C-alpha atoms as a PDB file:
ATOM      1  CA  MET A   1       0.000   0.000   0.000  1.00  0.00           C
ATOM      2  CA  ALA A   2       1.194   3.493  -0.798  1.00  0.00           C
ATOM      3  CA  GLN A   3       0.274   4.949   2.595  1.00  0.00           C
ATOM      4  CA  THR A   4       0.062   3.833   6.191  1.00  0.00           C
ATOM      5  CA  PRO A   5      -3.615   3.086   6.870  1.00  0.00           C
ATOM      6  CA  THR A   6      -5.628   3.963   9.916  1.00  0.00           C
ATOM      7  CA  LEU A   7      -6.352   0.889  12.014  1.00  0.00           C
ATOM      8  CA  LEU A   8      -9.967   0.763  13.214  1.00  0.00           C
ATOM      9  CA  PHE A   9     -10.442  -1.688  16.100  1.00  0.00           C
ATOM     10  CA  ILE A  10     -13.869  -3.212  16.804  1.00  0.00           C
ATOM     11  CA  HIS A  11     -14.132  -5.072  20.104  1.00  0.00           C
ATOM     12  CA  GLY A  12     -16.349  -8.056  20.808  1.00  0.00           C
ATOM     13  CA  ALA A  13     -19.314  -8.810  23.040  1.00  0.00           C
ATOM     14  CA  TRP A  14     -19.294  -7.865  26.752  1.00  0.00           C
ATOM     15  CA  HIS A  15     -15.975  -6.087  26.261  1.00  0.00           C
ATOM     16  CA  THR A  16     -14.921  -2.477  26.092  1.00  0.00           C
ATOM     17  CA  ARG A  17     -12.435  -0.648  23.933  1.00  0.00           C
ATOM     18  CA  ASP A  18      -9.879  -1.114  26.737  1.00  0.00           C
ATOM     19  CA  CYS A  19      -9.237  -4.647  25.520  1.00  0.00           C
ATOM     20  CA  TRP A  20      -6.997  -3.144  22.804  1.00  0.00           C
ATOM     21  CA  SER A  21      -4.879  -1.222  25.312  1.00  0.00           C
ATOM     22  CA  LYS A  22      -1.835  -3.503  24.965  1.00  0.00           C
ATOM     23  CA  VAL A  23      -1.633  -3.802  21.180  1.00  0.00           C
ATOM     24  CA  ILE A  24      -2.400  -0.208  20.216  1.00  0.00           C
ATOM     25  CA  PRO A  25       0.749   1.358  21.731  1.00  0.00           C
ATOM     26  CA  ALA A  26       2.863  -1.264  19.974  1.00  0.00           C
ATOM     27  CA  LEU A  27       1.232  -0.505  16.631  1.00  0.00           C
ATOM     28  CA  GLU A  28       1.514   3.243  17.156  1.00  0.00           C
ATOM     29  CA  LYS A  29       5.269   2.760  17.512  1.00  0.00           C
ATOM     30  CA  HIS A  30       5.183   1.423  13.956  1.00  0.00           C
ATOM     31  CA  GLY A  31       3.568   4.672  12.810  1.00  0.00           C
ATOM     32  CA  TYR A  32      -0.054   3.578  12.627  1.00  0.00           C
ATOM     33  CA  ARG A  33      -2.942   5.810  13.553  1.00  0.00           C
ATOM     34  CA  CYS A  34      -5.274   3.699  15.725  1.00  0.00           C
ATOM     35  CA  VAL A  35      -8.948   4.313  16.501  1.00  0.00           C
ATOM     36  CA  ALA A  36     -10.839   2.109  18.970  1.00  0.00           C
ATOM     37  CA  PRO A  37     -14.424   3.187  19.687  1.00  0.00           C
ATOM     38  CA  GLN A  38     -16.670   1.831  22.399  1.00  0.00           C
ATOM     39  CA  VAL A  39     -19.216   0.155  20.133  1.00  0.00           C
ATOM     40  CA  GLU A  40     -22.771   0.777  21.279  1.00  0.00           C
ATOM     41  CA  PHE A  41     -23.823  -2.879  21.349  1.00  0.00           C
ATOM     42  CA  SER A  42     -21.913  -3.220  24.650  1.00  0.00           C
ATOM     43  CA  GLY A  43     -22.114  -1.214  27.827  1.00  0.00           C
ATOM     44  CA  THR A  44     -25.276   0.817  27.267  1.00  0.00           C
ATOM     45  CA  GLU A  45     -27.777   1.516  30.053  1.00  0.00           C
ATOM     46  CA  THR A  46     -30.606  -0.026  28.032  1.00  0.00           C
ATOM     47  CA  PRO A  47     -30.280  -2.686  25.322  1.00  0.00           C
ATOM     48  CA  VAL A  48     -30.158  -1.555  21.713  1.00  0.00           C
ATOM     49  CA  THR A  49     -32.803  -2.977  19.403  1.00  0.00           C
ATOM     50  CA  SER A  50     -30.753  -3.450  16.227  1.00  0.00           C
ATOM     51  CA  ALA A  51     -27.230  -3.493  14.870  1.00  0.00           C
ATOM     52  CA  ALA A  52     -27.861  -0.351  12.835  1.00  0.00           C
ATOM     53  CA  GLY A  53     -26.586   2.070  15.452  1.00  0.00           C
ATOM     54  CA  SER A  54     -23.321   0.201  15.904  1.00  0.00           C
ATOM     55  CA  ILE A  55     -22.806  -0.001  12.149  1.00  0.00           C
ATOM     56  CA  ASN A  56     -23.567   3.701  11.714  1.00  0.00           C
ATOM     57  CA  GLN A  57     -21.179   4.531  14.550  1.00  0.00           C
ATOM     58  CA  ILE A  58     -18.341   2.671  12.827  1.00  0.00           C
ATOM     59  CA  GLN A  59     -19.212   4.193   9.447  1.00  0.00           C
ATOM     60  CA  SER A  60     -18.966   7.700  10.891  1.00  0.00           C
ATOM     61  CA  ILE A  61     -15.352   6.937  11.831  1.00  0.00           C
ATOM     62  CA  ILE A  62     -14.651   5.502   8.384  1.00  0.00           C
ATOM     63  CA  ILE A  63     -16.076   8.693   6.848  1.00  0.00           C
ATOM     64  CA  ASP A  64     -13.825  10.849   9.037  1.00  0.00           C
ATOM     65  CA  GLU A  65     -10.745   8.874   8.066  1.00  0.00           C
ATOM     66  CA  THR A  66     -11.380   8.383   4.361  1.00  0.00           C
ATOM     67  CA  SER A  67     -12.565  11.963   3.775  1.00  0.00           C
ATOM     68  CA  ASN A  68      -9.148  13.076   5.032  1.00  0.00           C
ATOM     69  CA  GLY A  69      -7.436  10.885   2.474  1.00  0.00           C
ATOM     70  CA  ARG A  70      -6.562   8.033   4.809  1.00  0.00           C
ATOM     71  CA  ASN A  71      -7.038   4.374   3.972  1.00  0.00           C
ATOM     72  CA  VAL A  72      -8.528   2.155   6.669  1.00  0.00           C
ATOM     73  CA  VAL A  73      -7.980  -1.418   7.829  1.00  0.00           C
ATOM     74  CA  VAL A  74     -10.804  -2.711  10.026  1.00  0.00           C
ATOM     75  CA  ILE A  75      -9.700  -5.119  12.770  1.00  0.00           C
ATOM     76  CA  ASN A  76     -12.584  -7.089  14.270  1.00  0.00           C
ATOM     77  CA  HIS A  77     -12.648  -9.316  17.312  1.00  0.00           C
ATOM     78  CA  SER A  78     -15.323 -11.928  17.976  1.00  0.00           C
ATOM     79  CA  LEU A  79     -18.849 -10.457  17.651  1.00  0.00           C
ATOM     80  CA  GLY A  80     -17.285  -7.230  16.406  1.00  0.00           C
ATOM     81  CA  GLY A  81     -16.876  -8.989  13.061  1.00  0.00           C
ATOM     82  CA  VAL A  82     -20.609  -8.759  12.407  1.00  0.00           C
ATOM     83  CA  VAL A  83     -20.800  -4.965  12.643  1.00  0.00           C
ATOM     84  CA  GLY A  84     -17.236  -4.275  11.510  1.00  0.00           C
ATOM     85  CA  CYS A  85     -17.659  -6.155   8.245  1.00  0.00           C
ATOM     86  CA  SER A  86     -21.120  -4.708   7.688  1.00  0.00           C
ATOM     87  CA  ALA A  87     -19.847  -1.148   8.161  1.00  0.00           C
ATOM     88  CA  VAL A  88     -17.500  -1.186   5.159  1.00  0.00           C
ATOM     89  CA  LYS A  89     -20.416  -1.112   2.706  1.00  0.00           C
ATOM     90  CA  GLY A  90     -19.851   1.675   0.186  1.00  0.00           C
ATOM     91  CA  PHE A  91     -16.359   2.538   1.434  1.00  0.00           C
ATOM     92  CA  THR A  92     -14.231   0.200  -0.699  1.00  0.00           C
ATOM     93  CA  ARG A  93     -12.795   0.468  -4.189  1.00  0.00           C
ATOM     94  CA  LYS A  94     -15.075  -2.369  -5.228  1.00  0.00           C
ATOM     95  CA  ASP A  95     -18.083  -0.397  -3.991  1.00  0.00           C
ATOM     96  CA  PRO A  96     -17.099   3.282  -3.651  1.00  0.00           C
ATOM     97  CA  SER A  97     -20.678   4.543  -3.502  1.00  0.00           C
ATOM     98  CA  ARG A  98     -20.080   6.486  -0.276  1.00  0.00           C
ATOM     99  CA  LEU A  99     -16.574   7.731  -1.077  1.00  0.00           C
ATOM    100  CA  ASP A 100     -15.496  11.088  -2.438  1.00  0.00           C
ATOM    101  CA  ASN A 101     -13.359  11.103  -5.568  1.00  0.00           C
ATOM    102  CA  ASN A 102     -10.060  11.804  -3.818  1.00  0.00           C
ATOM    103  CA  SER A 103     -10.729  10.051  -0.539  1.00  0.00           C
ATOM    104  CA  GLY A 104      -9.155   7.044   1.049  1.00  0.00           C
ATOM    105  CA  SER A 105     -11.000   3.749   1.334  1.00  0.00           C
ATOM    106  CA  VAL A 106     -11.260   0.595   3.396  1.00  0.00           C
ATOM    107  CA  VAL A 107      -8.487  -1.596   1.997  1.00  0.00           C
ATOM    108  CA  GLY A 108      -8.699  -4.702   4.149  1.00  0.00           C
ATOM    109  CA  ILE A 109     -10.297  -6.500   7.068  1.00  0.00           C
ATOM    110  CA  ILE A 110      -8.573  -8.509   9.789  1.00  0.00           C
ATOM    111  CA  GLN A 111     -10.835 -11.006  11.517  1.00  0.00           C
ATOM    112  CA  LEU A 112      -9.400 -11.999  14.885  1.00  0.00           C
ATOM    113  CA  CYS A 113     -11.376 -15.112  15.902  1.00  0.00           C
ATOM    114  CA  ALA A 114     -14.341 -13.106  14.637  1.00  0.00           C
ATOM    115  CA  PHE A 115     -17.868 -13.851  13.492  1.00  0.00           C
ATOM    116  CA  THR A 116     -18.603 -13.247   9.832  1.00  0.00           C
ATOM    117  CA  PRO A 117     -21.923 -11.768   8.669  1.00  0.00           C
ATOM    118  CA  PRO A 118     -23.387 -14.086   6.027  1.00  0.00           C
ATOM    119  CA  PRO A 119     -24.594 -13.277   2.548  1.00  0.00           C
ATOM    120  CA  LYS A 120     -28.315 -13.969   2.392  1.00  0.00           C
ATOM    121  CA  SER A 121     -27.713 -16.861  -0.008  1.00  0.00           C
ATOM    122  CA  ALA A 122     -25.614 -18.792   2.530  1.00  0.00           C
ATOM    123  CA  GLU A 123     -27.040 -18.037   5.964  1.00  0.00           C
ATOM    124  CA  TYR A 124     -26.991 -21.639   7.163  1.00  0.00           C
ATOM    125  CA  GLU A 125     -23.327 -22.200   6.322  1.00  0.00           C
ATOM    126  CA  PHE A 126     -22.339 -19.151   8.355  1.00  0.00           C
ATOM    127  CA  PHE A 127     -24.817 -19.382  11.198  1.00  0.00           C
ATOM    128  CA  GLY A 128     -24.207 -23.080  11.824  1.00  0.00           C
ATOM    129  CA  PRO A 129     -20.796 -22.470  13.461  1.00  0.00           C
ATOM    130  CA  ILE A 130     -22.160 -19.425  15.283  1.00  0.00           C
ATOM    131  CA  VAL A 131     -25.137 -21.282  16.742  1.00  0.00           C
ATOM    132  CA  GLU A 132     -22.924 -24.184  17.735  1.00  0.00           C
ATOM    133  CA  SER A 133     -20.469 -21.964  19.588  1.00  0.00           C
ATOM    134  CA  ARG A 134     -23.093 -19.684  21.165  1.00  0.00           C
ATOM    135  CA  ALA A 135     -25.317 -22.411  22.571  1.00  0.00           C
ATOM    136  CA  ALA A 136     -22.655 -23.637  24.944  1.00  0.00           C
ATOM    137  CA  PHE A 137     -22.169 -20.535  27.043  1.00  0.00           C
ATOM    138  CA  HIS A 138     -24.721 -17.740  26.550  1.00  0.00           C
ATOM    139  CA  TYR A 139     -28.325 -17.004  25.744  1.00  0.00           C
ATOM    140  CA  SER A 140     -30.604 -14.165  24.674  1.00  0.00           C
ATOM    141  CA  SER A 141     -33.153 -13.004  27.243  1.00  0.00           C
ATOM    142  CA  PRO A 142     -36.546 -11.404  26.546  1.00  0.00           C
ATOM    143  CA  ASP A 143     -35.239  -8.311  28.346  1.00  0.00           C
ATOM    144  CA  GLY A 144     -32.958  -7.570  25.371  1.00  0.00           C
ATOM    145  CA  TRP A 145     -29.661  -8.616  26.949  1.00  0.00           C
ATOM    146  CA  ASP A 146     -27.371 -11.536  26.239  1.00  0.00           C
ATOM    147  CA  TYR A 147     -26.262 -13.377  29.365  1.00  0.00           C
ATOM    148  CA  ILE A 148     -23.408 -15.786  29.957  1.00  0.00           C
ATOM    149  CA  GLU A 149     -24.689 -18.983  31.531  1.00  0.00           C
ATOM    150  CA  PRO A 150     -24.142 -18.856  35.324  1.00  0.00           C
ATOM    151  CA  ASN A 151     -22.264 -22.169  35.387  1.00  0.00           C
ATOM    152  CA  VAL A 152     -19.671 -21.012  32.826  1.00  0.00           C
ATOM    153  CA  ASP A 153     -16.153 -20.178  33.991  1.00  0.00           C
ATOM    154  CA  ILE A 154     -15.635 -16.803  32.329  1.00  0.00           C
ATOM    155  CA  ASN A 155     -11.877 -16.853  32.904  1.00  0.00           C
ATOM    156  CA  ASP A 156     -11.608 -20.176  31.106  1.00  0.00           C
ATOM    157  CA  LEU A 157     -13.943 -18.952  28.362  1.00  0.00           C
ATOM    158  CA  PHE A 158     -12.220 -15.693  27.446  1.00  0.00           C
ATOM    159  CA  TYR A 159      -8.889 -15.614  29.276  1.00  0.00           C
ATOM    160  CA  ASN A 160      -7.662 -19.203  29.548  1.00  0.00           C
ATOM    161  CA  ASP A 161      -4.057 -18.243  28.750  1.00  0.00           C
ATOM    162  CA  LEU A 162      -3.802 -15.333  31.189  1.00  0.00           C
ATOM    163  CA  SER A 163      -2.721 -15.581  34.807  1.00  0.00           C
ATOM    164  CA  PRO A 164      -5.656 -16.027  37.222  1.00  0.00           C
ATOM    165  CA  GLU A 165      -5.029 -12.550  38.629  1.00  0.00           C
ATOM    166  CA  GLU A 166      -5.100 -10.808  35.250  1.00  0.00           C
ATOM    167  CA  ALA A 167      -8.055 -12.895  34.099  1.00  0.00           C
ATOM    168  CA  ASP A 168      -9.978 -11.769  37.179  1.00  0.00           C
ATOM    169  CA  MET A 169      -9.124  -8.156  36.398  1.00  0.00           C
ATOM    170  CA  TRP A 170     -10.462  -8.345  32.846  1.00  0.00           C
ATOM    171  CA  LYS A 171     -13.518 -10.312  33.940  1.00  0.00           C
ATOM    172  CA  GLY A 172     -14.283  -7.441  36.291  1.00  0.00           C
ATOM    173  CA  ARG A 173     -14.321  -5.047  33.337  1.00  0.00           C
ATOM    174  CA  LEU A 174     -16.983  -6.879  31.340  1.00  0.00           C
ATOM    175  CA  VAL A 175     -20.169  -4.943  30.604  1.00  0.00           C
ATOM    176  CA  LYS A 176     -23.746  -5.668  29.549  1.00  0.00           C
ATOM    177  CA  GLN A 177     -24.300  -6.972  26.026  1.00  0.00           C
ATOM    178  CA  SER A 178     -27.324  -6.298  23.811  1.00  0.00           C
ATOM    179  CA  SER A 179     -28.654  -9.412  22.093  1.00  0.00           C
ATOM    180  CA  ALA A 180     -30.094  -7.643  19.031  1.00  0.00           C
ATOM    181  CA  CYS A 181     -26.749  -7.398  17.255  1.00  0.00           C
ATOM    182  CA  VAL A 182     -26.576 -11.121  16.523  1.00  0.00           C
ATOM    183  CA  LYS A 183     -30.217 -11.352  15.434  1.00  0.00           C
ATOM    184  CA  ASP A 184     -30.380  -8.297  13.166  1.00  0.00           C
ATOM    185  CA  ILE A 185     -29.823 -10.068   9.867  1.00  0.00           C
ATOM    186  CA  GLU A 186     -31.455  -7.285   7.854  1.00  0.00           C
ATOM    187  CA  ASN A 187     -28.622  -4.886   8.699  1.00  0.00           C
ATOM    188  CA  PHE A 188     -25.817  -7.369   8.035  1.00  0.00           C
ATOM    189  CA  TYR A 189     -23.637  -6.863   4.969  1.00  0.00           C
ATOM    190  CA  PRO A 190     -20.878  -9.238   3.773  1.00  0.00           C
ATOM    191  CA  GLY A 191     -18.227  -6.542   3.470  1.00  0.00           C
ATOM    192  CA  TRP A 192     -15.585  -9.258   3.506  1.00  0.00           C
ATOM    193  CA  LEU A 193     -16.497  -9.852  -0.148  1.00  0.00           C
ATOM    194  CA  ASP A 194     -15.415  -6.311  -1.037  1.00  0.00           C
ATOM    195  CA  VAL A 195     -11.833  -6.272   0.294  1.00  0.00           C
ATOM    196  CA  PRO A 196      -9.046  -8.727   1.078  1.00  0.00           C
ATOM    197  CA  VAL A 197      -9.445 -10.457   4.447  1.00  0.00           C
ATOM    198  CA  SER A 198      -6.927 -11.991   6.818  1.00  0.00           C
ATOM    199  CA  TYR A 199      -8.476 -14.349   9.378  1.00  0.00           C
ATOM    200  CA  ILE A 200      -6.450 -15.077  12.510  1.00  0.00           C
ATOM    201  CA  LEU A 201      -7.436 -18.471  13.910  1.00  0.00           C
ATOM    202  CA  THR A 202      -6.954 -18.851  17.668  1.00  0.00           C
ATOM    203  CA  THR A 203      -6.234 -22.505  18.272  1.00  0.00           C
ATOM    204  CA  HIS A 204      -7.014 -22.744  22.015  1.00  0.00           C
ATOM    205  CA  ASP A 205     -10.175 -20.664  21.903  1.00  0.00           C
ATOM    206  CA  ASN A 206     -12.952 -21.728  24.280  1.00  0.00           C
ATOM    207  CA  ALA A 207     -15.463 -19.058  23.189  1.00  0.00           C
ATOM    208  CA  LEU A 208     -15.343 -19.536  19.412  1.00  0.00           C
ATOM    209  CA  PRO A 209     -13.624 -22.904  18.935  1.00  0.00           C
ATOM    210  CA  VAL A 210     -11.074 -23.105  16.176  1.00  0.00           C
ATOM    211  CA  HIS A 211     -13.136 -25.624  14.193  1.00  0.00           C
ATOM    212  CA  ALA A 212     -15.966 -23.062  14.068  1.00  0.00           C
ATOM    213  CA  GLN A 213     -13.515 -20.398  12.930  1.00  0.00           C
ATOM    214  CA  GLU A 214     -12.217 -22.725  10.232  1.00  0.00           C
ATOM    215  CA  ALA A 215     -15.785 -23.345   9.079  1.00  0.00           C
ATOM    216  CA  LEU A 216     -16.327 -19.576   8.748  1.00  0.00           C
ATOM    217  CA  VAL A 217     -13.153 -19.262   6.663  1.00  0.00           C
ATOM    218  CA  ALA A 218     -14.229 -22.164   4.429  1.00  0.00           C
ATOM    219  CA  ALA A 219     -17.706 -20.691   3.957  1.00  0.00           C
ATOM    220  CA  SER A 220     -16.174 -17.306   3.123  1.00  0.00           C
ATOM    221  CA  LYS A 221     -13.916 -18.853   0.495  1.00  0.00           C
ATOM    222  CA  LYS A 222     -16.838 -20.763  -0.988  1.00  0.00           C
ATOM    223  CA  ALA A 223     -18.805 -17.511  -1.235  1.00  0.00           C
ATOM    224  CA  GLY A 224     -15.973 -15.873  -3.185  1.00  0.00           C
ATOM    225  CA  ALA A 225     -13.936 -14.040  -0.553  1.00  0.00           C
ATOM    226  CA  SER A 226     -10.277 -13.178  -1.037  1.00  0.00           C
ATOM    227  CA  ILE A 227      -9.300 -14.547   2.358  1.00  0.00           C
ATOM    228  CA  THR A 228      -6.154 -15.963   3.889  1.00  0.00           C
ATOM    229  CA  SER A 229      -5.788 -17.460   7.351  1.00  0.00           C
ATOM    230  CA  LYS A 230      -3.069 -17.420   9.971  1.00  0.00           C
ATOM    231  CA  ARG A 231      -2.863 -19.475  13.164  1.00  0.00           C
ATOM    232  CA  LEU A 232      -2.114 -18.217  16.648  1.00  0.00           C
ATOM    233  CA  ASP A 233      -1.693 -20.588  19.591  1.00  0.00           C
ATOM    234  CA  SER A 234      -3.841 -18.641  22.023  1.00  0.00           C
ATOM    235  CA  GLY A 235      -7.210 -18.376  23.674  1.00  0.00           C
ATOM    236  CA  HIS A 236      -9.966 -15.968  22.688  1.00  0.00           C
ATOM    237  CA  SER A 237      -8.131 -12.803  23.772  1.00  0.00           C
ATOM    238  CA  PRO A 238      -4.641 -12.862  22.236  1.00  0.00           C
ATOM    239  CA  PHE A 239      -4.459  -9.049  22.339  1.00  0.00           C
ATOM    240  CA  LEU A 240      -4.040  -9.556  26.096  1.00  0.00           C
ATOM    241  CA  SER A 241      -2.139 -12.848  26.321  1.00  0.00           C
ATOM    242  CA  ARG A 242      -0.009 -12.945  23.154  1.00  0.00           C
ATOM    243  CA  VAL A 243       0.619  -9.268  22.496  1.00  0.00           C
ATOM    244  CA  ASP A 244       3.821  -9.481  20.445  1.00  0.00           C
ATOM    245  CA  GLU A 245       2.549 -12.361  18.316  1.00  0.00           C
ATOM    246  CA  THR A 246      -0.769 -10.602  17.713  1.00  0.00           C
ATOM    247  CA  VAL A 247       0.928  -7.360  16.705  1.00  0.00           C
ATOM    248  CA  ASN A 248       3.245  -9.218  14.340  1.00  0.00           C
ATOM    249  CA  LEU A 249       0.317 -10.996  12.681  1.00  0.00           C
ATOM    250  CA  PHE A 250      -1.511  -7.686  12.324  1.00  0.00           C
ATOM    251  CA  LEU A 251       1.550  -6.134  10.677  1.00  0.00           C
ATOM    252  CA  GLU A 252       1.950  -9.125   8.377  1.00  0.00           C
ATOM    253  CA  ALA A 253      -1.683  -8.966   7.315  1.00  0.00           C
ATOM    254  CA  ILE A 254      -1.620  -5.199   6.757  1.00  0.00           C
ATOM    255  CA  GLY A 255       1.438  -5.598   4.550  1.00  0.00           C
ATOM    256  CA  GLU A 256      -0.444  -8.095   2.395  1.00  0.00           C
ATOM    257  CA  PHE A 257      -3.405  -5.805   1.662  1.00  0.00           C
END
């Protein structure tokens, strides 16, 4: 790429933007501008009713960056992949419908053990792995929130390769999660078809098992995505437990876009 892109980080369910606090300084040392919003599907006082607000929130950042001539790489973790991928609609060179003539564009997506929003023609192939992984540890309540099952060990789920003390710290920072984001198929968009994608598979993941991640990659390839995969021997939160390795994989992927 001719210029250093802005890196736009989209966190996953129950988490806050603070989860990126270890990798961002390392990437800034390499000269990257990093933006990590608190996505509205997590941490609100009342549950949101659709994914639209989260997608619009991310798109407003993409507009700010691209209108100033900066390219963007979107880095999604876990559930963040649904809204992060959907938000690139109209901001790529394949579909520049929302870009100005001289603006930057979204040039790539990094999926870090992330969910992938399906094209409407292949919902089952994409939702099968999601349903399989979700059923084991959390559920949607009629009150609009998603809850982790009370018998689930959250440290083992999200932070199985952190020390018990650090895992407890991050568990204490988890916030409420709206359930509508996963269900809002009408607002999903398979933006991963519009740009190159690098999928980082986390091999010791207890939240989204690696076989489910591999199924998402295979379904993406079958649907026509330009997608490559890389493996990282970590749990679900390598930005906390495998910082150097995660940063290096990010840099490798960015260099390939």
